[in-house]
C-alpha atoms as a PDB file:
ATOM      1  CA  MET A   1      -8.249  13.096   5.609  1.00  0.00           C
ATOM      2  CA  ARG A   2      -4.762  12.095   4.868  1.00  0.00           C
ATOM      3  CA  VAL A   3      -3.118   9.419   7.166  1.00  0.00           C
ATOM      4  CA  VAL A   4       0.187   7.669   7.378  1.00  0.00           C
ATOM      5  CA  LEU A   5       0.671   4.418   9.349  1.00  0.00           C
ATOM      6  CA  LEU A   6       4.203   3.738  10.500  1.00  0.00           C
ATOM      7  CA  GLY A   7       5.381   0.588  12.180  1.00  0.00           C
ATOM      8  CA  ALA A   8       7.802  -2.318  11.498  1.00  0.00           C
ATOM      9  CA  PRO A   9       6.910  -5.130   8.983  1.00  0.00           C
ATOM     10  CA  GLY A  10       4.204  -7.072  10.748  1.00  0.00           C
ATOM     11  CA  ALA A  11       3.255  -4.422  13.248  1.00  0.00           C
ATOM     12  CA  GLY A  12      -0.348  -4.687  11.472  1.00  0.00           C
ATOM     13  CA  LYS A  13      -0.209  -1.703   9.090  1.00  0.00           C
ATOM     14  CA  GLY A  14      -2.009  -3.470   6.355  1.00  0.00           C
ATOM     15  CA  THR A  15      -4.805  -4.836   8.576  1.00  0.00           C
ATOM     16  CA  GLN A  16      -5.505  -1.534  10.250  1.00  0.00           C
ATOM     17  CA  CYS A  17      -5.322   0.424   6.965  1.00  0.00           C
ATOM     18  CA  LYS A  18      -8.178  -1.585   5.672  1.00  0.00           C
ATOM     19  CA  TYR A  19     -10.379  -0.723   8.733  1.00  0.00           C
ATOM     20  CA  ILE A  20      -9.425   3.006   8.374  1.00  0.00           C
ATOM     21  CA  ALA A  21     -10.144   3.047   4.656  1.00  0.00           C
ATOM     22  CA  ALA A  22     -13.551   1.423   5.153  1.00  0.00           C
ATOM     23  CA  ARG A  23     -14.532   3.621   8.105  1.00  0.00           C
ATOM     24  CA  TYR A  24     -13.497   6.985   6.692  1.00  0.00           C
ATOM     25  CA  ASP A  25     -13.882   6.291   3.021  1.00  0.00           C
ATOM     26  CA  LEU A  26     -10.302   6.691   2.121  1.00  0.00           C
ATOM     27  CA  LEU A  27      -8.161   5.096  -0.614  1.00  0.00           C
ATOM     28  CA  HIS A  28      -5.770   2.564   0.826  1.00  0.00           C
ATOM     29  CA  LEU A  29      -2.415   2.720  -0.758  1.00  0.00           C
ATOM     30  CA  SER A  30      -0.002  -0.032   0.147  1.00  0.00           C
ATOM     31  CA  SER A  31       3.558   0.368  -1.288  1.00  0.00           C
ATOM     32  CA  GLY A  32       4.193  -3.304  -0.817  1.00  0.00           C
ATOM     33  CA  ASP A  33       1.088  -4.344  -2.663  1.00  0.00           C
ATOM     34  CA  ILE A  34       1.648  -2.012  -5.565  1.00  0.00           C
ATOM     35  CA  LEU A  35       5.332  -3.253  -5.806  1.00  0.00           C
ATOM     36  CA  ARG A  36       4.284  -6.884  -5.773  1.00  0.00           C
ATOM     37  CA  ARG A  37       1.661  -6.138  -8.600  1.00  0.00           C
ATOM     38  CA  GLY A  38       4.266  -4.705 -10.547  1.00  0.00           C
ATOM     39  CA  ARG A  39       6.529  -7.669 -10.152  1.00  0.00           C
ATOM     40  CA  ALA A  40       3.589 -10.024 -11.041  1.00  0.00           C
ATOM     41  CA  GLU A  41       2.900  -8.008 -14.117  1.00  0.00           C
ATOM     42  CA  ASP A  42       6.502  -7.906 -15.018  1.00  0.00           C
ATOM     43  CA  THR A  43       6.557  -4.045 -15.214  1.00  0.00           C
ATOM     44  CA  GLU A  44       9.954  -2.198 -15.346  1.00  0.00           C
ATOM     45  CA  LEU A  45       9.516  -1.041 -11.895  1.00  0.00           C
ATOM     46  CA  GLY A  46       8.541  -4.394 -10.564  1.00  0.00           C
ATOM     47  CA  LYS A  47      11.759  -5.982 -12.187  1.00  0.00           C
ATOM     48  CA  GLN A  48      13.855  -3.304 -10.529  1.00  0.00           C
ATOM     49  CA  ALA A  49      12.384  -3.777  -7.091  1.00  0.00           C
ATOM     50  CA  GLN A  50      12.160  -7.635  -7.124  1.00  0.00           C
ATOM     51  CA  SER A  51      15.850  -8.242  -5.870  1.00  0.00           C
ATOM     52  CA  TYR A  52      15.341  -5.555  -3.048  1.00  0.00           C
ATOM     53  CA  MET A  53      12.135  -7.134  -1.909  1.00  0.00           C
ATOM     54  CA  ASP A  54      13.325 -10.825  -1.989  1.00  0.00           C
ATOM     55  CA  SER A  55      16.224 -10.066   0.139  1.00  0.00           C
ATOM     56  CA  GLY A  56      14.316  -7.831   2.727  1.00  0.00           C
ATOM     57  CA  ALA A  57      16.062  -4.649   1.663  1.00  0.00           C
ATOM     58  CA  LEU A  58      14.314  -1.371   1.173  1.00  0.00           C
ATOM     59  CA  VAL A  59      13.436  -0.372  -2.361  1.00  0.00           C
ATOM     60  CA  PRO A  60      15.583   2.792  -3.201  1.00  0.00           C
ATOM     61  CA  ASP A  61      13.904   6.058  -2.611  1.00  0.00           C
ATOM     62  CA  GLU A  62      13.849   7.294  -6.251  1.00  0.00           C
ATOM     63  CA  LEU A  63      11.735   4.303  -7.380  1.00  0.00           C
ATOM     64  CA  ILE A  64       9.314   4.224  -4.492  1.00  0.00           C
ATOM     65  CA  VAL A  65       8.673   7.912  -4.463  1.00  0.00           C
ATOM     66  CA  GLU A  66       7.919   8.306  -8.158  1.00  0.00           C
ATOM     67  CA  MET A  67       5.408   5.314  -7.837  1.00  0.00           C
ATOM     68  CA  MET A  68       3.659   6.482  -4.755  1.00  0.00           C
ATOM     69  CA  ILE A  69       3.357  10.052  -5.613  1.00  0.00           C
ATOM     70  CA  ASP A  70       1.673   8.929  -8.976  1.00  0.00           C
ATOM     71  CA  GLU A  71      -0.930   6.731  -6.998  1.00  0.00           C
ATOM     72  CA  ILE A  72      -1.595   9.462  -4.545  1.00  0.00           C
ATOM     73  CA  GLY A  73      -2.529  11.637  -7.286  1.00  0.00           C
ATOM     74  CA  LYS A  74      -5.472   9.254  -8.145  1.00  0.00           C
ATOM     75  CA  ALA A  75      -6.906   9.556  -4.605  1.00  0.00           C
ATOM     76  CA  PRO A  76     -10.478  10.850  -4.171  1.00  0.00           C
ATOM     77  CA  LYS A  77     -11.089  14.242  -2.560  1.00  0.00           C
ATOM     78  CA  GLY A  78     -11.948  12.150   0.688  1.00  0.00           C
ATOM     79  CA  GLY A  79      -8.386  11.367   1.155  1.00  0.00           C
ATOM     80  CA  PHE A  80      -5.905   8.356   1.586  1.00  0.00           C
ATOM     81  CA  VAL A  81      -4.222   6.185   4.049  1.00  0.00           C
ATOM     82  CA  LEU A  82      -0.668   5.223   3.373  1.00  0.00           C
ATOM     83  CA  ASP A  83       0.629   1.842   4.191  1.00  0.00           C
ATOM     84  CA  GLY A  84       4.318   1.120   4.031  1.00  0.00           C
ATOM     85  CA  PHE A  85       5.195   4.686   2.683  1.00  0.00           C
ATOM     86  CA  PRO A  86       7.087   6.823   3.572  1.00  0.00           C
ATOM     87  CA  ARG A  87       9.881   4.523   4.831  1.00  0.00           C
ATOM     88  CA  THR A  88      12.801   7.012   5.133  1.00  0.00           C
ATOM     89  CA  VAL A  89      12.949  10.576   6.194  1.00  0.00           C
ATOM     90  CA  ASN A  90      13.713  11.509   2.525  1.00  0.00           C
ATOM     91  CA  GLN A  91      10.676   9.853   1.180  1.00  0.00           C
ATOM     92  CA  ALA A  92       8.633  11.708   3.844  1.00  0.00           C
ATOM     93  CA  ALA A  93      10.196  15.083   2.829  1.00  0.00           C
ATOM     94  CA  GLU A  94       9.456  14.307  -0.746  1.00  0.00           C
ATOM     95  CA  LEU A  95       5.903  13.395   0.047  1.00  0.00           C
ATOM     96  CA  ASP A  96       5.330  16.674   2.156  1.00  0.00           C
ATOM     97  CA  LYS A  97       6.840  18.620  -0.908  1.00  0.00           C
ATOM     98  CA  SER A  98       4.516  17.108  -3.389  1.00  0.00           C
ATOM     99  CA  LEU A  99       1.379  17.506  -1.096  1.00  0.00           C
ATOM    100  CA  ALA A 100       2.274  21.157  -0.528  1.00  0.00           C
ATOM    101  CA  GLU A 101       2.296  21.897  -4.108  1.00  0.00           C
ATOM    102  CA  HIS A 102      -1.434  21.052  -4.032  1.00  0.00           C
ATOM    103  CA  GLY A 103      -2.103  22.796  -0.743  1.00  0.00           C
ATOM    104  CA  GLN A 104      -2.311  19.715   1.167  1.00  0.00           C
ATOM    105  CA  THR A 105      -0.539  18.170   4.319  1.00  0.00           C
ATOM    106  CA  ILE A 106      -0.637  14.893   6.104  1.00  0.00           C
ATOM    107  CA  ASP A 107      -3.454  15.148   8.826  1.00  0.00           C
ATOM    108  CA  ALA A 108      -2.351  12.269  11.162  1.00  0.00           C
ATOM    109  CA  VAL A 109       0.692   9.950  11.529  1.00  0.00           C
ATOM    110  CA  VAL A 110       0.119   6.644  13.779  1.00  0.00           C
ATOM    111  CA  ASN A 111       3.102   4.792  14.794  1.00  0.00           C
ATOM    112  CA  LEU A 112       2.274   1.131  15.567  1.00  0.00           C
ATOM    113  CA  LYS A 113       4.743  -0.317  17.939  1.00  0.00           C
ATOM    114  CA  ALA A 114       5.336  -4.037  18.077  1.00  0.00           C
ATOM    115  CA  GLY A 115       8.121  -6.174  19.550  1.00  0.00           C
ATOM    116  CA  ASP A 116      10.401  -8.197  17.284  1.00  0.00           C
ATOM    117  CA  GLU A 117       9.444 -11.557  18.381  1.00  0.00           C
ATOM    118  CA  VAL A 118       5.702 -10.614  17.943  1.00  0.00           C
ATOM    119  CA  VAL A 119       6.471  -9.442  14.509  1.00  0.00           C
ATOM    120  CA  ILE A 120       8.590 -12.516  13.559  1.00  0.00           C
ATOM    121  CA  LYS A 121       5.744 -14.896  14.777  1.00  0.00           C
ATOM    122  CA  ARG A 122       3.164 -12.861  12.758  1.00  0.00           C
ATOM    123  CA  ILE A 123       5.124 -12.655   9.353  1.00  0.00           C
ATOM    124  CA  THR A 124       6.506 -16.184   9.317  1.00  0.00           C
ATOM    125  CA  GLY A 125       3.005 -17.560   9.840  1.00  0.00           C
ATOM    126  CA  ARG A 126       1.477 -15.757   7.078  1.00  0.00           C
ATOM    127  CA  ARG A 127       0.143 -17.605   3.968  1.00  0.00           C
ATOM    128  CA  SER A 128      -1.290 -15.937   0.914  1.00  0.00           C
ATOM    129  CA  CYS A 129      -3.466 -16.836  -2.149  1.00  0.00           C
ATOM    130  CA  PRO A 130      -1.423 -16.340  -5.387  1.00  0.00           C
ATOM    131  CA  LYS A 131      -4.651 -15.757  -7.196  1.00  0.00           C
ATOM    132  CA  CYS A 132      -6.821 -13.410  -5.149  1.00  0.00           C
ATOM    133  CA  GLY A 133      -4.236 -12.133  -2.835  1.00  0.00           C
ATOM    134  CA  ALA A 134      -6.211 -13.084   0.380  1.00  0.00           C
ATOM    135  CA  VAL A 135      -3.922 -13.541   3.526  1.00  0.00           C
ATOM    136  CA  TYR A 136      -4.252 -16.069   6.198  1.00  0.00           C
ATOM    137  CA  HIS A 137      -2.190 -17.106   9.229  1.00  0.00           C
ATOM    138  CA  ILE A 138      -1.297 -20.535  10.307  1.00  0.00           C
ATOM    139  CA  GLU A 139      -2.462 -19.863  14.017  1.00  0.00           C
ATOM    140  CA  SER A 140      -4.709 -16.631  14.159  1.00  0.00           C
ATOM    141  CA  LEU A 141      -6.481 -16.625  10.819  1.00  0.00           C
ATOM    142  CA  LYS A 142      -6.776 -20.142   9.382  1.00  0.00           C
ATOM    143  CA  PRO A 143      -8.574 -21.026   6.167  1.00  0.00           C
ATOM    144  CA  LYS A 144     -11.521 -23.377   6.367  1.00  0.00           C
ATOM    145  CA  VAL A 145      -9.384 -26.196   4.726  1.00  0.00           C
ATOM    146  CA  GLU A 146      -5.765 -26.061   5.694  1.00  0.00           C
ATOM    147  CA  GLY A 147      -3.600 -24.881   2.917  1.00  0.00           C
ATOM    148  CA  ILE A 148      -6.434 -23.820   0.663  1.00  0.00           C
ATOM    149  CA  CYS A 149      -7.927 -20.398   0.059  1.00  0.00           C
ATOM    150  CA  ASP A 150     -11.429 -19.899   1.104  1.00  0.00           C
ATOM    151  CA  HIS A 151     -12.287 -17.843  -2.092  1.00  0.00           C
ATOM    152  CA  ASP A 152     -10.942 -19.725  -5.025  1.00  0.00           C
ATOM    153  CA  ARG A 153      -9.510 -23.026  -3.733  1.00  0.00           C
ATOM    154  CA  ALA A 154      -5.940 -22.180  -4.644  1.00  0.00           C
ATOM    155  CA  GLY A 155      -3.076 -23.558  -2.708  1.00  0.00           C
ATOM    156  CA  LEU A 156      -1.707 -20.996  -0.311  1.00  0.00           C
ATOM    157  CA  VAL A 157       1.867 -20.060  -0.371  1.00  0.00           C
ATOM    158  CA  GLN A 158       4.395 -18.309   1.841  1.00  0.00           C
ATOM    159  CA  ARG A 159       6.069 -15.312   0.185  1.00  0.00           C
ATOM    160  CA  PRO A 160       9.847 -15.634  -0.282  1.00  0.00           C
ATOM    161  CA  ASP A 161      10.206 -12.541   1.924  1.00  0.00           C
ATOM    162  CA  ASP A 162       8.294 -14.016   4.840  1.00  0.00           C
ATOM    163  CA  THR A 163      11.079 -16.304   6.200  1.00  0.00           C
ATOM    164  CA  VAL A 164      12.818 -15.800   9.623  1.00  0.00           C
ATOM    165  CA  ASP A 165      16.164 -14.659   8.141  1.00  0.00           C
ATOM    166  CA  VAL A 166      14.570 -12.130   5.757  1.00  0.00           C
ATOM    167  CA  VAL A 167      12.279 -10.739   8.492  1.00  0.00           C
ATOM    168  CA  ARG A 168      15.231 -10.073  10.678  1.00  0.00           C
ATOM    169  CA  ASN A 169      17.057  -8.390   7.980  1.00  0.00           C
ATOM    170  CA  ARG A 170      13.721  -6.371   7.347  1.00  0.00           C
ATOM    171  CA  LEU A 171      13.645  -5.278  11.211  1.00  0.00           C
ATOM    172  CA  ARG A 172      17.349  -4.197  11.034  1.00  0.00           C
ATOM    173  CA  ASN A 173      16.530  -2.087   8.001  1.00  0.00           C
ATOM    174  CA  TYR A 174      13.527  -0.724   9.730  1.00  0.00           C
ATOM    175  CA  CYS A 175      15.521   0.456  12.808  1.00  0.00           C
ATOM    176  CA  GLU A 176      18.264   1.954  10.709  1.00  0.00           C
ATOM    177  CA  GLN A 177      16.268   3.607   8.031  1.00  0.00           C
ATOM    178  CA  THR A 178      12.585   3.885   9.007  1.00  0.00           C
ATOM    179  CA  ALA A 179      12.424   4.384  12.787  1.00  0.00           C
ATOM    180  CA  PRO A 180      13.838   7.990  12.418  1.00  0.00           C
ATOM    181  CA  LEU A 181      10.509   8.973  10.734  1.00  0.00           C
ATOM    182  CA  VAL A 182       9.114   8.865  14.334  1.00  0.00           C
ATOM    183  CA  ASP A 183      11.175  11.785  15.113  1.00  0.00           C
ATOM    184  CA  TYR A 184      10.471  13.452  11.833  1.00  0.00           C
ATOM    185  CA  TYR A 185       6.740  13.403  12.443  1.00  0.00           C
ATOM    186  CA  ARG A 186       6.895  14.104  16.020  1.00  0.00           C
ATOM    187  CA  GLN A 187       8.466  17.420  15.338  1.00  0.00           C
ATOM    188  CA  LYS A 188       5.457  18.128  13.124  1.00  0.00           C
ATOM    189  CA  ASN A 189       3.096  17.635  16.011  1.00  0.00           C
ATOM    190  CA  ASN A 190       0.851  15.019  14.218  1.00  0.00           C
ATOM    191  CA  LEU A 191       2.158  11.933  15.569  1.00  0.00           C
ATOM    192  CA  HIS A 192       0.090   9.349  17.648  1.00  0.00           C
ATOM    193  CA  GLN A 193       1.805   6.201  19.359  1.00  0.00           C
ATOM    194  CA  LEU A 194      -0.182   2.949  19.812  1.00  0.00           C
ATOM    195  CA  ASP A 195       0.849  -0.368  21.078  1.00  0.00           C
ATOM    196  CA  ALA A 196       0.421  -2.883  18.500  1.00  0.00           C
ATOM    197  CA  ASP A 197       1.374  -6.098  20.261  1.00  0.00           C
ATOM    198  CA  ALA A 198      -2.285  -6.511  21.247  1.00  0.00           C
ATOM    199  CA  ASP A 199      -5.176  -8.228  19.113  1.00  0.00           C
ATOM    200  CA  ALA A 200      -6.079  -6.344  15.996  1.00  0.00           C
ATOM    201  CA  GLU A 201      -9.460  -5.578  17.293  1.00  0.00           C
ATOM    202  CA  ILE A 202      -8.105  -3.750  20.288  1.00  0.00           C
ATOM    203  CA  VAL A 203      -5.704  -1.852  18.255  1.00  0.00           C
ATOM    204  CA  ARG A 204      -8.434  -0.902  15.730  1.00  0.00           C
ATOM    205  CA  GLU A 205     -10.575   0.576  18.490  1.00  0.00           C
ATOM    206  CA  ALA A 206      -7.714   2.649  19.808  1.00  0.00           C
ATOM    207  CA  LEU A 207      -6.963   3.802  16.302  1.00  0.00           C
ATOM    208  CA  PHE A 208     -10.454   4.856  15.550  1.00  0.00           C
ATOM    209  CA  GLU A 209     -10.708   6.792  18.913  1.00  0.00           C
ATOM    210  CA  LYS A 210      -7.736   9.011  17.644  1.00  0.00           C
ATOM    211  CA  LEU A 211      -8.792   9.380  14.136  1.00  0.00           C
ATOM    212  CA  ASP A 212     -12.421  10.206  15.105  1.00  0.00           C
ATOM    213  CA  ALA A 213     -11.279  13.284  17.000  1.00  0.00           C
ATOM    214  CA  LEU A 214      -9.870  14.552  13.749  1.00  0.00           C
ATOM    215  CA  VAL A 215     -13.197  14.306  11.939  1.00  0.00           C
ATOM    216  CA  ARG A 216     -15.518  15.678  14.533  1.00  0.00           C
END
């Protein structure tokens, strides 16, 4: 199964993708995680992407498409779930073209719809571990000791792109460049819409209900 999760930053794509990957034995490919890894490892792609990410701007299509197509090529036969890619109609078209060359298509696209204020609260409250990558939230997912990772005792940090101003800029970019993807996939008749303002567990069950129907 090949799945795409759409939604504004903070809509819960990363959380839900982990659930999907575990339930259906899929490879979880997060464009944001891959880009941040490249930045941490000081790769050429990471250096090129850093200025865009820190300002909340979208990474140019040519950079992200090349990187993601390469990662998708490593996916097992069971399939994959894409988190944060594609982000523009052009990226989606390039993805479809690449998959078609291997006789494949996207089986389902799920759009997680969340309000702006919900998104801002979720993102600005996030804290992450610089060592293991574990993610917490100052209200909804607190570590056992405030400011300290449960796994390796490292001090938690707020990512530079998780501030209010950057998040608002990311939301503007999403509306301008990424929201048209909903219409793109609606025309392909594989789009599912979900209310993502609810708790993650509620969204997860609704998501599983839709995807289970595809694998029966």
